[in-house]
Amino acid sequence: MWTIFWQSLLLASVGTLILRLGGRKSISQMTTPQLTIIISLGAILGGEVSAQGVGKTILGAATFVGFLVMTEWITLHWNRAEKVIKGEAVPVISEGKLLVDNLKKLRLSVDDLEKRLRMAGISKLEDVQVGTIEDNGEFGFTLMPHARPITMGDLEKIIKANFPQINIADSTDQDTIFKEVMTGYHQ
């Protein structure tokens, strides 16, 4: 019984280490090869390769992750390989119009696309200049000029142009939630 416990602890530890080496993406951000490897790792670690032993299980899991690292290295260095292995973004909206043929190729319904638009805070299809389904399944978009939110830079230009007597202070505050991440120092 203790053997099973220690082997399970070892497999969980090795699996965590191997997955940590694999990257930090949620399932919705994973590419097809990444998701395949994660599912395969789960099957290998969970089933212990049909009782082949801990060593062979670790070797099998390491082989899968080695394959993942190799494919990601290849896709970083060759665009053509990236398109073949990971895929590429597919336009689904152009100038406020649906590209129905591309939706069909992706097997994505208009209702599913509308759900993604709502989740992105977009209430009108006509407000989207370009909309794509990225290789990881996420929805990417650029809004039409009339629908883009105003930025602090835009607002500062308007104020400076219309009220030159107003001095606008630099709004870059160094004490943000990112300070700990950037400095590595926890307060």
Protein backbone atom coordinates (compact mmCIF):
# COMPACT_ATOMS: atom_id res chain seq x y z
CA MET A 1 0.00 0.00 0.00
CA TRP A 2 2.79 2.43 0.84
CA THR A 3 4.44 1.60 -2.48
CA ILE A 4 1.36 2.80 -4.33
CA PHE A 5 1.34 5.97 -2.25
CA TRP A 6 4.98 6.81 -2.94
CA GLN A 7 4.69 5.92 -6.63
CA SER A 8 1.58 8.11 -6.90
CA LEU A 9 3.37 10.94 -5.13
CA LEU A 10 6.36 10.55 -7.45
CA LEU A 11 4.15 10.48 -10.56
CA ALA A 12 2.23 13.56 -9.41
CA SER A 13 5.48 15.40 -8.74
CA VAL A 14 7.05 14.42 -12.04
CA GLY A 15 3.80 15.20 -13.89
CA THR A 16 3.67 18.65 -12.30
CA LEU A 17 7.30 19.32 -13.20
CA ILE A 18 6.79 18.11 -16.76
CA LEU A 19 3.62 20.20 -17.20
CA ARG A 20 5.44 23.21 -15.74
CA LEU A 21 8.08 22.80 -18.44
CA GLY A 22 5.28 22.63 -20.99
CA GLY A 23 4.10 26.19 -20.32
CA ARG A 24 1.44 28.27 -18.60
CA LYS A 25 -1.61 28.33 -20.82
CA SER A 26 -5.19 27.61 -19.96
CA ILE A 27 -6.96 25.02 -22.08
CA SER A 28 -8.68 27.75 -24.11
CA GLN A 29 -5.28 29.20 -25.04
CA MET A 30 -3.67 25.90 -25.99
CA THR A 31 -2.93 24.95 -29.54
CA THR A 32 -3.95 21.54 -30.86
CA PRO A 33 -0.52 19.93 -30.26
CA GLN A 34 -0.39 21.28 -26.70
CA LEU A 35 -3.84 19.98 -25.88
CA THR A 36 -3.02 16.59 -27.40
CA ILE A 37 0.11 16.30 -25.27
CA ILE A 38 -1.71 17.32 -22.08
CA ILE A 39 -4.44 14.74 -22.69
CA SER A 40 -1.82 12.10 -23.47
CA LEU A 41 0.09 12.95 -20.31
CA GLY A 42 -3.07 12.53 -18.27
CA ALA A 43 -3.66 9.12 -19.79
CA ILE A 44 -0.06 8.05 -19.23
CA LEU A 45 0.22 9.30 -15.67
CA GLY A 46 -3.26 8.16 -14.68
CA GLY A 47 -2.98 4.66 -16.12
CA GLU A 48 0.73 4.19 -15.40
CA VAL A 49 1.11 2.75 -18.90
CA SER A 50 -0.81 -0.44 -18.20
CA ALA A 51 1.29 -1.28 -15.15
CA GLN A 52 4.61 -0.90 -16.99
CA GLY A 53 6.20 0.68 -13.93
CA VAL A 54 7.14 4.12 -12.72
CA GLY A 55 10.35 4.40 -14.76
CA LYS A 56 8.64 3.60 -18.06
CA THR A 57 5.77 5.92 -17.16
CA ILE A 58 8.16 8.81 -16.51
CA LEU A 59 10.03 8.02 -19.71
CA GLY A 60 6.77 7.97 -21.68
CA ALA A 61 5.63 11.28 -20.18
CA ALA A 62 9.04 12.87 -20.78
CA THR A 63 8.94 11.68 -24.39
CA PHE A 64 5.60 13.39 -24.95
CA VAL A 65 6.84 16.64 -23.43
CA GLY A 66 10.07 16.39 -25.42
CA PHE A 67 7.93 16.12 -28.54
CA LEU A 68 5.96 19.21 -27.43
CA VAL A 69 9.13 21.22 -26.76
CA MET A 70 10.56 20.15 -30.13
CA THR A 71 7.41 21.12 -32.05
CA GLU A 72 7.23 24.48 -30.29
CA TRP A 73 10.92 25.15 -31.07
CA ILE A 74 10.31 24.29 -34.71
CA THR A 75 7.24 26.54 -34.89
CA LEU A 76 9.20 29.41 -33.37
CA HIS A 77 11.84 29.18 -36.07
CA TRP A 78 9.84 28.35 -39.22
CA ASN A 79 6.61 30.13 -40.10
CA ARG A 80 5.55 27.44 -42.56
CA ALA A 81 5.89 24.77 -39.85
CA GLU A 82 3.92 26.98 -37.46
CA LYS A 83 1.04 27.19 -39.93
CA VAL A 84 1.05 23.42 -40.43
CA ILE A 85 1.42 22.42 -36.77
CA LYS A 86 -0.49 25.15 -34.92
CA GLY A 87 -2.67 26.58 -37.65
CA GLU A 88 -3.26 30.25 -38.28
CA ALA A 89 -5.83 32.93 -37.56
CA VAL A 90 -8.93 32.74 -39.73
CA PRO A 91 -10.89 35.94 -40.48
CA VAL A 92 -14.59 35.64 -39.64
CA ILE A 93 -15.61 39.32 -39.83
CA SER A 94 -14.47 41.92 -42.33
CA GLU A 95 -15.70 45.53 -42.30
CA GLY A 96 -18.68 44.59 -40.14
CA LYS A 97 -19.76 41.68 -42.35
CA LEU A 98 -19.71 37.98 -41.51
CA LEU A 99 -17.46 35.73 -43.57
CA VAL A 100 -19.86 32.80 -43.56
CA ASP A 101 -17.64 30.49 -45.64
CA ASN A 102 -14.84 30.82 -43.08
CA LEU A 103 -17.29 30.16 -40.23
CA LYS A 104 -18.30 26.95 -42.00
CA LYS A 105 -14.65 25.90 -42.42
CA LEU A 106 -14.17 26.39 -38.68
CA ARG A 107 -17.44 24.57 -37.92
CA LEU A 108 -18.45 27.64 -35.91
CA SER A 109 -22.06 28.74 -35.82
CA VAL A 110 -23.15 32.38 -35.99
CA ASP A 111 -24.56 31.95 -32.48
CA ASP A 112 -21.14 30.82 -31.19
CA LEU A 113 -19.49 33.82 -32.82
CA GLU A 114 -22.12 36.15 -31.36
CA LYS A 115 -21.38 34.68 -27.92
CA ARG A 116 -17.70 35.53 -28.39
CA LEU A 117 -18.63 39.05 -29.48
CA ARG A 118 -20.76 39.54 -26.36
CA MET A 119 -17.97 38.21 -24.15
CA ALA A 120 -15.63 40.77 -25.75
CA GLY A 121 -18.12 43.54 -24.95
CA ILE A 122 -19.16 44.08 -28.56
CA SER A 123 -22.87 44.63 -29.12
CA LYS A 124 -22.93 45.31 -32.87
CA LEU A 125 -21.34 43.23 -35.59
CA GLU A 126 -21.04 46.42 -37.65
CA ASP A 127 -18.59 47.83 -35.07
CA VAL A 128 -15.98 45.16 -35.88
CA GLN A 129 -13.48 46.11 -38.57
CA VAL A 130 -11.67 42.74 -38.51
CA GLY A 131 -12.54 39.70 -36.43
CA THR A 132 -10.50 36.49 -36.36
CA ILE A 133 -10.52 33.13 -34.68
CA GLU A 134 -6.91 32.68 -33.57
CA ASP A 135 -5.01 29.38 -33.71
CA ASN A 136 -5.74 28.84 -30.01
CA GLY A 137 -9.50 29.36 -30.50
CA GLU A 138 -9.64 32.84 -29.00
CA PHE A 139 -11.49 35.68 -30.74
CA GLY A 140 -9.29 38.57 -31.88
CA PHE A 141 -10.67 41.82 -33.22
CA THR A 142 -10.13 45.42 -34.21
CA LEU A 143 -12.98 47.85 -33.85
CA MET A 144 -14.09 50.36 -36.46
CA PRO A 145 -12.71 53.84 -35.76
CA HIS A 146 -16.12 55.11 -34.59
CA ALA A 147 -16.46 52.25 -32.08
CA ARG A 148 -12.97 52.39 -30.52
CA PRO A 149 -12.85 53.56 -26.91
CA ILE A 150 -11.09 56.82 -26.20
CA THR A 151 -7.68 56.44 -24.61
CA MET A 152 -5.90 58.69 -22.13
CA GLY A 153 -3.61 59.75 -24.99
CA ASP A 154 -6.61 60.77 -27.09
CA LEU A 155 -8.09 62.69 -24.17
CA GLU A 156 -4.80 64.46 -23.42
CA LYS A 157 -4.54 65.58 -27.08
CA ILE A 158 -8.07 67.00 -26.97
CA ILE A 159 -7.42 68.82 -23.70
CA LYS A 160 -4.08 70.24 -24.89
CA ALA A 161 -5.62 71.38 -28.19
CA ASN A 162 -8.63 73.07 -26.58
CA PHE A 163 -7.25 74.12 -23.19
CA PRO A 164 -3.51 74.87 -23.56
CA GLN A 165 -3.44 76.58 -20.16
CA ILE A 166 -4.15 73.27 -18.38
CA ASN A 167 -1.02 71.37 -17.39
CA ILE A 168 -1.58 67.63 -17.62
CA ALA A 169 0.55 65.68 -15.15
CA ASP A 170 2.29 62.48 -16.19
CA SER A 171 -0.10 59.70 -15.25
CA THR A 172 2.45 56.89 -15.12
CA ASP A 173 2.25 55.67 -11.54
CA GLN A 174 5.05 53.29 -10.68
CA ASP A 175 3.21 51.79 -7.70
CA THR A 176 0.90 49.40 -9.56
CA ILE A 177 -0.06 45.76 -9.19
CA PHE A 178 2.73 44.93 -11.65
CA LYS A 179 5.50 46.36 -9.49
CA GLU A 180 5.96 43.10 -7.58
CA VAL A 181 6.16 41.11 -10.80
CA MET A 182 8.60 43.51 -12.44
CA THR A 183 10.92 43.94 -9.44
CA GLY A 184 10.59 40.44 -8.00
CA TYR A 185 10.07 42.02 -4.59
CA HIS A 186 7.00 41.22 -2.50
CA GLN A 187 5.81 43.98 -0.19
